[in-house]
């Protein structure tokens, strides 16, 4: 077996299946560039057949990324596979990842197919894909709950048809580490041609063991590819976390004995970008990328770290990119310095007009906030990418009154289909009043299922970043807004969510 561990990032596909986490093409492309800077081996850019929007996103990423392999997911049918190949046509290196469910429960209840029918469709899909690209990955969906005898039969056949990677997913997060590792080892031992393909693991975090299961699949099972996402983003409880797997292998090189291509100094930047783009805030105690990951509150710990860092720190914060959290620009900074900083952070705006607009917004922020951090710039650019899209609703201005003992009142001016609208309302607080003023005109009928506030950088002068999650007629969307005024940030986030509800782009649920 090779001693290199391949990192397959599916933030842009499986991570995007989190309710409300869908991204625009430009947002996906920006994250893909950051993943390439991180030196991820494989970027699963999306599910090309699911929608025209996802097709264009995969195509754009395939035409842009040069170092990483660009992959598209497809169901095991000719239409999906052809669509994936079309989207990937411009890629320097491409992969088609095709899947079909193999567990008795999924075959009977979801596919309504017999095992023999699934066996034949899996073979035909890999054969068809192999005629279009050289690199084909096959996944038996719900593989861990599949019958091992049937799974051996299917995997042996698809390897014979040309599958170069075999992924064994724990689609529903049911596995426990030792058993999952032994499950993969058993498959590899029993299948005669198992050495003709790279084995991969794809674990969900429903029981909080996605990282542990993935590492067991590597160490016990002999897998040499891990499928993961930035921040562990993903539907339900999420996916295996890229930063945790990478740092576990790096930190415990004595145990795993594996090499990685990942440039770990870009981990924190990738985490911030994904969090700010999707609105999914990273919990403070999250390993590696959480705000408290390298903080020491205990007096004993603080004393130990001051005397010798390795008394309580097994990793260095600066190695994974925390040292980048510094003041980078101020109100006297010029346009070229601003543009250079964008490039250093992996942000590339599509036109000079966008750069000029972002710079103007930066100068406005710098007049209101003396210290500008990388996070502030990312938030500015995220807001700019949102406002650059054709939106139904836009923010113009807000005035609100809040006084102890008096009911708060808000007056807001928004644009609706290009026309300015004024509205006002009372509320339980200034945020409630502002959002009710918007809803008074819009009358969306949407239910708010999440309202979250996060400080972009640490001080009372910090920009506030607000996430609003709305649900309406079965659709769930996240809206994100940022501003030094938290009430304004809330209004922007609400309008952002309403604009996403206006979008009729459909997404097809894919492999878990």
Protein backbone atom coordinates (compact mmCIF):
# COMPACT_ATOMS: atom_id res chain seq x y z
CA UNK A 1 0.00 0.00 0.00
CA UNK A 2 1.00 3.59 -0.64
CA UNK A 3 1.97 5.69 2.35
CA UNK A 4 0.23 8.77 0.91
CA UNK A 5 -3.26 9.65 2.15
CA UNK A 6 -5.44 11.28 -0.51
CA UNK A 7 -7.72 14.06 0.75
CA UNK A 8 -11.00 14.19 -1.16
CA UNK A 9 -12.92 17.34 -0.25
CA UNK A 10 -16.68 17.31 -0.77
CA UNK A 11 -17.55 20.66 0.85
CA UNK A 12 -18.98 21.92 -2.44
CA UNK A 13 -21.16 18.84 -2.94
CA UNK A 14 -22.02 16.95 0.24
CA UNK A 15 -21.37 19.95 2.47
CA UNK A 16 -23.71 22.03 0.35
CA UNK A 17 -26.53 19.59 1.12
CA UNK A 18 -26.83 21.11 4.61
CA UNK A 19 -30.22 22.84 4.78
CA UNK A 20 -29.64 26.43 3.67
CA UNK A 21 -25.98 25.98 2.73
CA UNK A 22 -26.40 26.14 -1.05
CA UNK A 23 -23.86 28.42 -2.74
CA UNK A 24 -23.75 30.45 -5.93
CA UNK A 25 -21.35 29.58 -8.73
CA UNK A 26 -19.00 32.42 -7.81
CA UNK A 27 -19.01 31.39 -4.14
CA UNK A 28 -18.21 27.80 -5.10
CA UNK A 29 -15.41 28.95 -7.37
CA UNK A 30 -13.89 31.10 -4.63
CA UNK A 31 -13.93 28.19 -2.18
CA UNK A 32 -12.50 25.85 -4.84
CA UNK A 33 -9.54 28.21 -5.30
CA UNK A 34 -8.97 28.14 -1.55
CA UNK A 35 -9.12 24.32 -1.56
CA UNK A 36 -6.53 24.29 -4.35
CA UNK A 37 -4.34 26.63 -2.29
CA UNK A 38 -4.79 24.16 0.59
CA UNK A 39 -3.50 21.53 -1.88
CA UNK A 40 -6.52 19.26 -1.57
CA UNK A 41 -5.98 16.24 -3.85
CA UNK A 42 -9.56 15.93 -5.14
CA UNK A 43 -12.29 18.61 -5.16
CA UNK A 44 -15.81 17.24 -5.57
CA UNK A 45 -17.24 20.36 -7.20
CA UNK A 46 -20.88 19.33 -7.27
CA UNK A 47 -23.54 17.14 -8.83
CA UNK A 48 -23.62 18.33 -12.45
CA UNK A 49 -26.91 16.62 -13.38
CA UNK A 50 -28.86 18.02 -10.42
CA UNK A 51 -29.48 21.48 -11.91
CA UNK A 52 -28.23 23.87 -14.56
CA UNK A 53 -26.71 25.98 -11.78
CA UNK A 54 -24.69 23.10 -10.40
CA UNK A 55 -23.62 22.11 -13.92
CA UNK A 56 -22.29 25.62 -14.54
CA UNK A 57 -20.52 25.63 -11.16
CA UNK A 58 -18.78 22.32 -11.87
CA UNK A 59 -17.86 23.52 -15.36
CA UNK A 60 -16.46 26.82 -14.04
CA UNK A 61 -14.36 25.05 -11.39
CA UNK A 62 -13.15 22.44 -13.91
CA UNK A 63 -12.01 25.22 -16.25
CA UNK A 64 -10.21 27.11 -13.47
CA UNK A 65 -8.54 24.60 -11.12
CA UNK A 66 -5.19 23.28 -12.38
CA UNK A 67 -3.54 21.47 -9.46
CA UNK A 68 -6.34 19.44 -7.87
CA UNK A 69 -8.44 16.73 -9.53
CA UNK A 70 -11.96 18.09 -10.15
CA UNK A 71 -14.76 15.59 -9.57
CA UNK A 72 -18.51 15.52 -10.24
CA UNK A 73 -20.96 13.17 -8.59
CA UNK A 74 -23.46 11.23 -10.71
CA UNK A 75 -26.05 8.58 -10.17
CA UNK A 76 -25.43 5.29 -11.93
CA UNK A 77 -27.18 6.15 -15.18
CA UNK A 78 -26.03 7.32 -18.61
CA UNK A 79 -27.70 10.74 -18.41
CA UNK A 80 -26.03 11.74 -15.14
CA UNK A 81 -22.66 10.40 -16.21
CA UNK A 82 -22.80 12.16 -19.59
CA UNK A 83 -23.74 15.41 -17.90
CA UNK A 84 -20.83 15.06 -15.47
CA UNK A 85 -18.39 14.36 -18.30
CA UNK A 86 -19.66 17.41 -20.19
CA UNK A 87 -19.18 19.67 -17.17
CA UNK A 88 -15.68 18.30 -16.56
CA UNK A 89 -14.55 18.55 -20.19
CA UNK A 90 -12.26 21.54 -19.56
CA UNK A 91 -10.53 20.10 -16.49
CA UNK A 92 -6.81 19.41 -16.50
CA UNK A 93 -7.55 16.32 -14.37
CA UNK A 94 -11.09 15.05 -13.92
CA UNK A 95 -12.96 12.30 -12.10
CA UNK A 96 -16.50 10.99 -12.32
CA UNK A 97 -17.87 9.69 -9.02
CA UNK A 98 -20.85 7.42 -9.65
CA UNK A 99 -22.97 5.72 -7.01
CA UNK A 100 -25.89 3.38 -6.45
CA UNK A 101 -27.38 2.08 -3.20
CA UNK A 102 -26.50 -1.51 -2.22
CA UNK A 103 -28.08 -2.04 1.21
CA UNK A 104 -31.21 -4.24 1.32
CA UNK A 105 -33.21 -1.38 2.83
CA UNK A 106 -32.22 1.14 0.14
CA UNK A 107 -32.60 -1.31 -2.75
CA UNK A 108 -36.09 -2.34 -1.67
CA UNK A 109 -37.55 0.89 -0.33
CA UNK A 110 -35.77 3.60 -2.34
CA UNK A 111 -34.62 2.09 -5.62
CA UNK A 112 -37.29 -0.65 -5.84
CA UNK A 113 -34.71 -2.79 -7.63
CA UNK A 114 -33.52 -6.36 -7.11
CA UNK A 115 -29.89 -7.01 -6.15
CA UNK A 116 -29.24 -8.41 -9.63
CA UNK A 117 -30.59 -5.23 -11.23
CA UNK A 118 -28.37 -3.09 -8.99
CA UNK A 119 -25.37 -5.29 -9.82
CA UNK A 120 -25.89 -4.85 -13.57
CA UNK A 121 -26.53 -1.10 -13.33
CA UNK A 122 -23.37 -0.58 -11.26
CA UNK A 123 -21.27 -2.43 -13.86
CA UNK A 124 -22.81 -0.60 -16.79
CA UNK A 125 -22.40 2.80 -15.12
CA UNK A 126 -18.70 2.30 -14.42
CA UNK A 127 -18.12 0.91 -17.92
CA UNK A 128 -19.87 3.93 -19.47
CA UNK A 129 -17.99 6.42 -17.25
CA UNK A 130 -14.66 4.72 -17.96
CA UNK A 131 -15.17 5.35 -21.68
CA UNK A 132 -15.48 9.08 -20.96
CA UNK A 133 -12.75 9.67 -18.35
CA UNK A 134 -9.78 7.69 -17.07
CA UNK A 135 -10.47 8.32 -13.38
CA UNK A 136 -13.72 6.75 -12.09
CA UNK A 137 -14.78 6.41 -8.48
CA UNK A 138 -17.59 4.07 -7.45
CA UNK A 139 -19.58 4.25 -4.22
CA UNK A 140 -22.07 1.66 -2.98
CA UNK A 141 -24.41 4.03 -1.14
CA UNK A 142 -25.19 2.86 2.42
CA UNK A 143 -22.28 0.49 1.92
CA UNK A 144 -21.68 -0.16 5.62
CA UNK A 145 -25.22 -1.56 6.03
CA UNK A 146 -24.94 -3.70 2.90
CA UNK A 147 -24.60 -7.47 2.82
CA UNK A 148 -20.83 -8.17 2.63
CA UNK A 149 -21.26 -11.03 0.12
CA UNK A 150 -23.29 -8.85 -2.25
CA UNK A 151 -20.91 -5.94 -1.73
CA UNK A 152 -17.92 -8.10 -2.64
CA UNK A 153 -19.69 -9.21 -5.81
CA UNK A 154 -20.49 -5.61 -6.86
CA UNK A 155 -17.08 -4.15 -6.03
CA UNK A 156 -15.16 -6.93 -7.78
CA UNK A 157 -17.26 -6.32 -10.90
CA UNK A 158 -16.86 -2.53 -10.98
CA UNK A 159 -13.09 -2.79 -10.48
CA UNK A 160 -13.03 -5.18 -13.44
CA UNK A 161 -14.95 -2.54 -15.43
CA UNK A 162 -12.28 0.08 -14.68
CA UNK A 163 -13.17 1.80 -11.38
CA UNK A 164 -9.96 3.34 -10.04
CA UNK A 165 -11.27 4.28 -6.58
CA UNK A 166 -13.71 2.33 -4.39
CA UNK A 167 -15.45 4.34 -1.70
CA UNK A 168 -17.28 2.56 1.15
CA UNK A 169 -19.64 5.13 2.69
CA UNK A 170 -21.18 5.06 6.13
CA UNK A 171 -24.05 7.07 4.71
CA UNK A 172 -26.14 7.28 7.87
CA UNK A 173 -23.35 7.53 10.46
CA UNK A 174 -24.10 4.11 11.97
CA UNK A 175 -20.55 2.73 12.16
CA UNK A 176 -18.19 2.49 15.12
CA UNK A 177 -14.43 2.74 14.49
CA UNK A 178 -13.07 -0.78 15.01
CA UNK A 179 -15.98 -2.50 13.26
CA UNK A 180 -15.86 -0.09 10.32
CA UNK A 181 -12.12 -0.59 9.89
CA UNK A 182 -12.54 -4.38 10.01
CA UNK A 183 -15.46 -4.17 7.56
CA UNK A 184 -13.24 -2.53 4.93
CA UNK A 185 -10.33 -4.85 5.67
CA UNK A 186 -12.63 -7.85 5.19
CA UNK A 187 -13.79 -6.53 1.81
CA UNK A 188 -10.23 -5.91 0.66
CA UNK A 189 -9.12 -9.38 1.81
CA UNK A 190 -12.01 -11.15 0.07
CA UNK A 191 -12.06 -9.34 -3.28
CA UNK A 192 -9.44 -10.81 -5.65
CA UNK A 193 -8.78 -7.57 -7.59
CA UNK A 194 -8.99 -5.21 -4.60
CA UNK A 195 -5.38 -4.13 -5.17
CA UNK A 196 -6.33 -2.65 -8.57
CA UNK A 197 -8.14 0.30 -6.95
CA UNK A 198 -7.57 2.87 -4.21
CA UNK A 199 -9.95 2.39 -1.29
CA UNK A 200 -11.76 5.35 0.22
CA UNK A 201 -13.87 6.16 3.29
CA UNK A 202 -16.83 8.53 3.55
CA UNK A 203 -18.28 8.83 7.05
CA UNK A 204 -21.12 10.89 8.49
CA UNK A 205 -21.13 12.26 12.01
CA UNK A 206 -24.55 11.21 13.34
CA UNK A 207 -22.98 9.54 16.39
CA UNK A 208 -20.04 11.95 16.58
CA UNK A 209 -17.56 9.39 15.21
CA UNK A 210 -17.02 10.44 11.59
CA UNK A 211 -13.35 11.34 12.08
CA UNK A 212 -12.65 8.30 14.26
CA UNK A 213 -14.38 5.99 11.78
CA UNK A 214 -12.47 7.49 8.86
CA UNK A 215 -9.13 7.06 10.61
CA UNK A 216 -10.02 3.46 11.52
CA UNK A 217 -10.88 2.84 7.88
CA UNK A 218 -7.39 4.08 7.03
CA UNK A 219 -5.40 2.40 9.79
CA UNK A 220 -7.30 -0.91 10.13
CA UNK A 221 -8.99 -1.16 6.75
CA UNK A 222 -6.13 0.06 4.58
CA UNK A 223 -8.06 2.87 2.89
CA UNK A 224 -5.86 5.54 1.32
CA UNK A 225 -8.44 8.21 0.58
CA UNK A 226 -10.59 10.11 3.09
CA UNK A 227 -13.69 12.01 1.95
CA UNK A 228 -14.28 15.03 4.17
CA UNK A 229 -15.45 18.64 4.34
CA UNK A 230 -14.18 21.92 5.73
CA UNK A 231 -15.58 22.43 9.26
CA UNK A 232 -17.29 19.04 8.97
CA UNK A 233 -20.07 20.76 6.98
CA UNK A 234 -22.82 18.44 5.80
CA UNK A 235 -26.43 17.39 6.15
CA UNK A 236 -27.78 16.20 9.50
CA UNK A 237 -24.80 16.12 11.94
CA UNK A 238 -22.29 16.73 9.16
CA UNK A 239 -19.38 14.91 7.55
CA UNK A 240 -15.89 13.91 8.56
CA UNK A 241 -13.96 17.12 9.26
CA UNK A 242 -11.01 17.77 6.92
CA UNK A 243 -9.02 19.80 9.42
CA UNK A 244 -9.36 17.16 12.14
CA UNK A 245 -8.31 14.24 9.93
CA UNK A 246 -5.40 16.16 8.45
CA UNK A 247 -4.06 17.35 11.80
CA UNK A 248 -4.54 13.92 13.39
CA UNK A 249 -2.40 12.34 10.67
CA UNK A 250 0.15 15.17 10.81
CA UNK A 251 0.38 15.30 14.61
CA UNK A 252 0.45 11.52 15.09
CA UNK A 253 2.74 10.74 12.19
CA UNK A 254 4.47 8.29 14.55
CA UNK A 255 1.29 6.18 14.59
CA UNK A 256 -0.20 6.61 11.12
CA UNK A 257 3.05 6.79 9.15
CA UNK A 258 1.32 8.55 6.26
CA UNK A 259 2.19 11.56 4.14
CA UNK A 260 -0.17 14.32 3.00
CA UNK A 261 -0.07 16.95 0.27
CA UNK A 262 -2.08 19.43 2.37
CA UNK A 263 -0.53 22.84 3.07
CA UNK A 264 -1.87 23.22 6.59
CA UNK A 265 -1.18 26.95 6.94
CA UNK A 266 -4.30 27.59 4.81
CA UNK A 267 -6.65 25.57 7.03
CA UNK A 268 -8.01 28.44 9.12
CA UNK A 269 -8.52 30.66 6.04
CA UNK A 270 -10.51 27.87 4.37
CA UNK A 271 -12.57 27.40 7.53
CA UNK A 272 -13.41 31.10 7.74
CA UNK A 273 -14.30 31.31 4.06
CA UNK A 274 -16.69 28.35 4.22
CA UNK A 275 -18.27 29.60 7.45
CA UNK A 276 -18.83 33.11 6.16
CA UNK A 277 -20.10 31.92 2.78
CA UNK A 278 -22.62 29.43 4.14
CA UNK A 279 -23.53 31.17 7.39
CA UNK A 280 -22.69 28.05 9.42
CA UNK A 281 -20.77 29.43 12.39
CA UNK A 282 -17.86 27.37 13.72
CA UNK A 283 -18.41 26.45 17.37
CA UNK A 284 -15.75 27.97 19.68
CA UNK A 285 -14.55 24.59 20.98
CA UNK A 286 -14.23 23.04 17.50
CA UNK A 287 -10.91 21.23 17.13
CA UNK A 288 -8.21 23.07 15.14
CA UNK A 289 -10.39 25.90 13.78
CA UNK A 290 -12.57 26.89 16.75
CA UNK A 291 -11.88 30.23 18.47
CA UNK A 292 -10.92 28.40 21.68
CA UNK A 293 -8.86 25.65 20.01
CA UNK A 294 -5.59 27.16 21.27
CA UNK A 295 -6.93 29.13 24.26
CA UNK A 296 -5.91 28.25 27.82
CA UNK A 297 -8.12 29.42 30.69
CA UNK A 298 -6.78 27.22 33.47
CA UNK A 299 -4.02 28.86 35.53
CA UNK A 300 -2.05 25.63 35.58
CA UNK A 301 -2.32 25.35 31.78
CA UNK A 302 -1.36 28.98 31.25
CA UNK A 303 1.68 28.60 33.48
CA UNK A 304 2.76 25.46 31.64
CA UNK A 305 2.36 26.99 28.19
CA UNK A 306 4.34 30.07 29.19
CA UNK A 307 7.22 27.89 30.40
CA UNK A 308 7.12 25.43 27.49
CA UNK A 309 4.42 25.38 24.81
CA UNK A 310 4.46 21.63 24.37
CA UNK A 311 3.30 21.09 27.96
CA UNK A 312 -0.29 21.61 26.82
CA UNK A 313 -0.12 22.28 23.06
CA UNK A 314 0.31 19.40 20.63
CA UNK A 315 -0.04 21.72 17.61
CA UNK A 316 1.09 25.28 16.95
CA UNK A 317 -1.70 27.74 16.22
CA UNK A 318 0.37 29.55 13.57
CA UNK A 319 0.99 26.29 11.67
CA UNK A 320 -2.68 26.01 10.72
CA UNK A 321 -3.06 29.69 9.91
CA UNK A 322 -4.12 31.36 13.13
CA UNK A 323 -1.25 33.85 12.87
CA UNK A 324 -3.09 35.36 9.90
CA UNK A 325 -5.56 36.92 12.36
CA UNK A 326 -3.90 40.32 12.42
CA UNK A 327 -4.60 43.90 11.36
CA UNK A 328 -3.86 44.03 7.65
CA UNK A 329 -5.25 47.30 6.34
CA UNK A 330 -6.62 50.64 7.51
CA UNK A 331 -8.35 53.69 6.12
CA UNK A 332 -5.07 55.04 4.67
CA UNK A 333 -4.45 51.86 2.66
CA UNK A 334 -4.60 52.17 -1.12
CA UNK A 335 -6.45 50.21 -3.75
CA UNK A 336 -3.41 48.16 -4.80
CA UNK A 337 -2.74 47.07 -1.21
CA UNK A 338 -6.39 46.06 -0.88
CA UNK A 339 -6.29 44.11 -4.15
CA UNK A 340 -3.03 42.39 -3.12
CA UNK A 341 -4.56 41.32 0.19
CA UNK A 342 -7.53 39.84 -1.64
CA UNK A 343 -5.15 37.78 -3.78
CA UNK A 344 -3.23 36.60 -0.72
CA UNK A 345 -6.50 35.36 0.80
CA UNK A 346 -7.44 33.55 -2.41
CA UNK A 347 -10.25 35.94 -3.33
CA UNK A 348 -10.48 36.81 -7.02
CA UNK A 349 -13.27 39.12 -8.09
CA UNK A 350 -14.46 38.69 -11.65
CA UNK A 351 -14.00 42.27 -12.86
CA UNK A 352 -12.27 45.55 -12.05
CA UNK A 353 -15.70 47.04 -11.41
CA UNK A 354 -16.24 44.49 -8.61
CA UNK A 355 -12.81 45.30 -7.16
CA UNK A 356 -13.64 49.02 -7.23
CA UNK A 357 -16.98 48.46 -5.50
CA UNK A 358 -15.42 46.21 -2.86
CA UNK A 359 -12.66 48.79 -2.27
CA UNK A 360 -15.22 51.57 -1.86
CA UNK A 361 -17.07 49.46 0.70
CA UNK A 362 -13.76 48.75 2.45
CA UNK A 363 -12.98 52.49 2.71
CA UNK A 364 -16.46 53.13 4.10
CA UNK A 365 -15.95 50.39 6.70
CA UNK A 366 -12.49 51.75 7.58
CA UNK A 367 -14.05 55.13 8.39
CA UNK A 368 -16.39 53.41 10.86
CA UNK A 369 -13.97 50.82 12.27
CA UNK A 370 -10.32 51.60 13.04
CA UNK A 371 -8.97 48.04 12.80
CA UNK A 372 -9.63 45.95 9.70
CA UNK A 373 -9.01 42.20 9.93
CA UNK A 374 -8.92 39.48 7.28
CA UNK A 375 -12.35 38.34 8.45
CA UNK A 376 -13.75 41.83 7.81
CA UNK A 377 -12.46 41.76 4.24
CA UNK A 378 -13.91 38.30 3.60
CA UNK A 379 -17.26 39.46 4.94
CA UNK A 380 -17.14 42.53 2.69
CA UNK A 381 -16.43 40.41 -0.37
CA UNK A 382 -19.14 37.92 0.58
CA UNK A 383 -21.63 40.76 0.85
CA UNK A 384 -20.41 42.14 -2.49
CA UNK A 385 -20.86 38.77 -4.23
CA UNK A 386 -24.40 38.61 -2.84
CA UNK A 387 -25.30 42.15 -3.94
CA UNK A 388 -23.76 41.54 -7.38
CA UNK A 389 -26.37 38.92 -8.11
CA UNK A 390 -29.72 39.87 -9.58
CA UNK A 391 -31.75 40.24 -6.42
CA UNK A 392 -35.38 41.02 -5.87
CA UNK A 393 -34.85 42.78 -2.53
CA UNK A 394 -32.05 45.15 -1.53
CA UNK A 395 -31.14 47.12 1.59
CA UNK A 396 -31.07 50.94 1.44
CA UNK A 397 -31.32 52.40 4.94
CA UNK A 398 -32.61 51.77 8.44
CA UNK A 399 -33.57 53.94 11.40
CA UNK A 400 -34.68 52.49 14.70
CA UNK A 401 -35.56 53.78 18.14
CA UNK A 402 -35.06 51.74 21.29
CA UNK A 403 -35.48 53.07 24.81
CA UNK A 404 -35.95 51.37 28.17
CA UNK A 405 -39.65 51.17 28.98
CA UNK A 406 -40.72 52.04 25.43
CA UNK A 407 -41.62 49.65 22.61
CA UNK A 408 -38.85 49.68 19.94
CA UNK A 409 -39.76 51.04 16.51
CA UNK A 410 -37.98 50.69 13.15
CA UNK A 411 -38.28 52.50 9.82
CA UNK A 412 -36.62 50.80 6.86
CA UNK A 413 -36.09 51.57 3.18
CA UNK A 414 -35.55 48.62 0.85
CA UNK A 415 -35.69 48.03 -2.88
CA UNK A 416 -38.23 45.60 -4.28
CA UNK A 417 -37.75 44.73 -7.96
CA UNK A 418 -35.75 47.96 -8.34
CA UNK A 419 -38.36 50.18 -6.68
CA UNK A 420 -37.74 51.84 -3.30
CA UNK A 421 -40.19 50.84 -0.58
CA UNK A 422 -40.58 52.38 2.89
CA UNK A 423 -41.97 50.40 5.78
CA UNK A 424 -42.07 50.62 9.57
CA UNK A 425 -43.09 48.50 12.52
CA UNK A 426 -42.89 48.05 16.27
CA UNK A 427 -41.27 44.97 17.80
CA UNK A 428 -40.01 43.31 20.94
CA UNK A 429 -36.56 44.73 20.23
CA UNK A 430 -34.83 46.74 17.48
CA UNK A 431 -34.01 43.60 15.47
CA UNK A 432 -37.55 42.25 15.78
CA UNK A 433 -39.00 45.62 14.78
CA UNK A 434 -36.69 45.86 11.75
CA UNK A 435 -37.49 42.39 10.45
CA UNK A 436 -41.21 42.89 11.02
CA UNK A 437 -40.99 46.12 9.01
CA UNK A 438 -39.49 44.15 6.11
CA UNK A 439 -42.05 41.35 6.42
CA UNK A 440 -44.89 43.88 6.56
CA UNK A 441 -44.18 44.70 2.92
CA UNK A 442 -42.83 41.36 1.67
CA UNK A 443 -45.42 39.09 3.35
CA UNK A 444 -43.35 35.99 2.57
CA UNK A 445 -45.05 33.83 5.18
CA UNK A 446 -41.67 32.22 5.90
CA UNK A 447 -40.92 30.75 9.32
CA UNK A 448 -37.65 31.77 10.95
CA UNK A 449 -35.97 28.63 12.28
CA UNK A 450 -32.61 30.14 13.22
CA UNK A 451 -31.25 33.56 14.18
CA UNK A 452 -27.55 33.64 15.03
CA UNK A 453 -25.10 36.48 15.74
CA UNK A 454 -21.34 36.10 15.53
CA UNK A 455 -18.58 38.68 16.04
CA UNK A 456 -16.29 38.60 12.99
CA UNK A 457 -13.31 39.76 15.04
CA UNK A 458 -12.88 40.21 18.76
CA UNK A 459 -13.93 43.61 20.13
CA UNK A 460 -17.05 45.70 20.64
CA UNK A 461 -16.00 47.56 17.47
CA UNK A 462 -16.19 44.30 15.55
CA UNK A 463 -18.49 43.76 12.62
CA UNK A 464 -21.43 41.60 13.53
CA UNK A 465 -22.25 38.70 11.25
CA UNK A 466 -25.86 37.53 11.38
CA UNK A 467 -27.28 34.29 10.02
CA UNK A 468 -31.01 33.96 9.43
CA UNK A 469 -32.53 30.63 8.41
CA UNK A 470 -35.99 30.71 6.84
CA UNK A 471 -38.31 27.87 5.92
CA UNK A 472 -41.17 28.16 3.47
CA UNK A 473 -43.09 25.47 1.57
CA UNK A 474 -40.44 22.85 2.27
CA UNK A 475 -37.52 25.07 1.24
CA UNK A 476 -34.84 25.98 3.79
CA UNK A 477 -32.42 28.84 3.09
CA UNK A 478 -29.72 30.68 5.01
CA UNK A 479 -29.26 34.42 4.74
CA UNK A 480 -26.04 36.09 5.89
CA UNK A 481 -25.39 39.77 6.51
CA UNK A 482 -22.56 41.73 8.14
CA UNK A 483 -22.24 45.28 9.43
CA UNK A 484 -20.78 47.08 12.46
CA UNK A 485 -24.42 47.78 13.38
CA UNK A 486 -25.94 44.44 14.38
CA UNK A 487 -29.49 45.64 13.57
CA UNK A 488 -28.44 46.54 10.03
CA UNK A 489 -26.62 43.20 9.71
CA UNK A 490 -29.85 41.46 10.76
CA UNK A 491 -31.88 43.30 8.11
CA UNK A 492 -29.30 42.44 5.43
CA UNK A 493 -29.31 38.78 6.46
CA UNK A 494 -33.11 38.63 6.35
CA UNK A 495 -33.21 40.20 2.88
CA UNK A 496 -30.48 37.82 1.72
CA UNK A 497 -32.59 34.86 2.86
CA UNK A 498 -35.71 36.26 1.17
CA UNK A 499 -33.78 36.59 -2.09
CA UNK A 500 -32.77 32.94 -1.89
CA UNK A 501 -36.41 31.99 -1.35
CA UNK A 502 -37.18 33.92 -4.55
CA UNK A 503 -34.70 31.72 -6.45
CA UNK A 504 -36.34 28.69 -8.03
CA UNK A 505 -33.17 26.66 -8.61
CA UNK A 506 -33.90 23.05 -7.73
CA UNK A 507 -31.38 20.74 -6.13
CA UNK A 508 -31.45 16.96 -6.24
CA UNK A 509 -30.49 15.08 -3.09
CA UNK A 510 -27.45 12.93 -3.79
CA UNK A 511 -25.37 10.37 -1.96
CA UNK A 512 -25.03 10.81 1.81
